[in-house]
Protein backbone atom coordinates (compact mmCIF):
# COMPACT_ATOMS: atom_id res chain seq x y z
CA MET A 1 0.00 0.00 0.00
CA GLU A 2 1.47 3.31 -1.04
CA ARG A 3 1.75 6.01 1.63
CA ILE A 4 0.85 9.56 0.63
CA THR A 5 0.40 12.81 2.51
CA ALA A 6 -3.00 14.43 2.92
CA THR A 7 -1.74 17.30 0.75
CA GLU A 8 -0.84 14.87 -2.06
CA ALA A 9 -4.22 13.18 -1.73
CA SER A 10 -5.99 16.53 -1.95
CA ARG A 11 -4.05 17.67 -5.01
CA ASN A 12 -4.40 14.35 -6.86
CA PHE A 13 -7.72 13.03 -5.60
CA SER A 14 -9.25 12.30 -9.02
CA GLU A 15 -6.12 10.49 -10.17
CA LEU A 16 -6.01 8.43 -6.96
CA LEU A 17 -9.65 7.39 -7.41
CA ASN A 18 -8.91 6.30 -10.98
CA ARG A 19 -5.84 4.35 -9.87
CA ALA A 20 -7.91 2.65 -7.16
CA ARG A 21 -10.83 1.83 -9.44
CA TYR A 22 -9.01 0.84 -12.61
CA GLY A 23 -5.61 -0.21 -11.29
CA GLY A 24 -6.69 -1.83 -8.03
CA GLU A 25 -4.18 0.29 -6.10
CA SER A 26 -4.53 1.27 -2.44
CA PHE A 27 -3.20 4.32 -0.64
CA LEU A 28 -2.65 5.14 3.03
CA VAL A 29 -3.22 8.84 3.61
CA GLU A 30 -1.10 10.38 6.37
CA ARG A 31 -1.23 13.72 8.15
CA ASN A 32 1.84 14.72 10.14
CA GLY A 33 3.16 11.18 9.77
CA GLU A 34 0.01 9.60 11.25
CA ALA A 35 -2.30 7.39 9.18
CA VAL A 36 -5.74 9.01 8.92
CA ALA A 37 -7.47 7.32 5.97
CA GLU A 38 -7.25 4.74 3.21
CA ILE A 39 -8.18 5.03 -0.43
CA ARG A 40 -8.74 1.60 -1.93
CA PRO A 41 -10.98 -0.13 -4.45
CA ALA A 42 -14.54 -0.57 -3.23
CA ARG A 43 -15.68 -4.11 -2.60
CA LYS A 44 -18.41 -5.32 -4.89
CA GLY A 45 -21.68 -5.37 -2.99
CA SER A 46 -24.12 -8.24 -3.01
CA THR A 47 -27.31 -7.94 -4.99
CA VAL A 48 -30.76 -9.37 -4.40
CA ALA A 49 -30.00 -11.86 -7.17
CA ASP A 50 -26.88 -12.97 -5.26
CA ALA A 51 -28.99 -13.52 -2.13
CA ILE A 52 -31.57 -15.53 -4.07
CA ASP A 53 -28.85 -17.68 -5.64
CA PHE A 54 -27.37 -18.27 -2.19
CA LEU A 55 -30.74 -19.33 -0.76
CA LYS A 56 -31.31 -21.72 -3.67
CA THR A 57 -28.06 -23.53 -2.84
CA THR A 58 -28.59 -23.60 0.93
CA PRO A 59 -29.89 -26.89 2.30
CA LEU A 60 -33.38 -26.88 3.79
CA PRO A 61 -33.67 -27.15 7.57
CA ASP A 62 -34.46 -30.55 9.00
CA PRO A 63 -38.16 -31.47 9.52
CA ASP A 64 -38.05 -30.72 13.26
CA PHE A 65 -36.66 -27.18 12.82
CA LYS A 66 -40.05 -25.44 12.81
CA ARG A 67 -41.22 -27.37 15.86
CA ASP A 68 -38.01 -26.53 17.74
CA MET A 69 -38.26 -22.82 16.87
CA LEU A 70 -41.92 -22.63 17.97
CA LYS A 71 -40.99 -24.33 21.24
CA ILE A 72 -38.19 -21.83 21.87
CA ILE A 73 -40.48 -18.90 21.07
CA ALA A 74 -43.20 -20.23 23.38
CA GLU A 75 -40.68 -20.67 26.21
CA ARG A 76 -39.34 -17.13 25.76
CA LYS A 77 -42.83 -15.60 25.74
CA ARG A 78 -43.32 -16.78 29.29
CA ASP A 79 -40.54 -14.43 30.37
CA TYR A 80 -42.23 -11.31 29.00
CA PRO A 81 -45.58 -9.60 29.52
CA ARG A 82 -48.19 -10.30 26.85
CA ASP A 83 -48.08 -7.97 23.86
CA PRO A 84 -51.45 -6.13 23.75
CA TRP A 85 -51.11 -5.76 19.97
CA ASP A 86 -50.60 -9.48 19.37
CA ASP A 87 -53.73 -11.12 17.88
CA ASP A 88 -52.97 -14.57 19.35
C-alpha cells in the first residue's frame, strides 16, 4: 500500500480514485506522519439476485426445525408480559 500525505491526496484526488478503481491500487493517507485514511478499491456489494442464488443452494432445515423454533419462542414468551397488539 502506497503512503501519501493528505496534501498529495488533496491535489491528486481524481487520479487516486482512478488508480484505485481501474488499477486496483490502495493508498494510506497520512497527516503529520500519522495514518488518517485509506483510499482503496470498493468491494463489490451483493445484490438481491446474489442472495436468491445463495438461498437456492442452501440446504433446507431438517423437519423438526419449525417445531423446535416454535418451542423456543413459546418458552421465551413466558418471560415477557403479553403484547397487547398481538392477535394470538
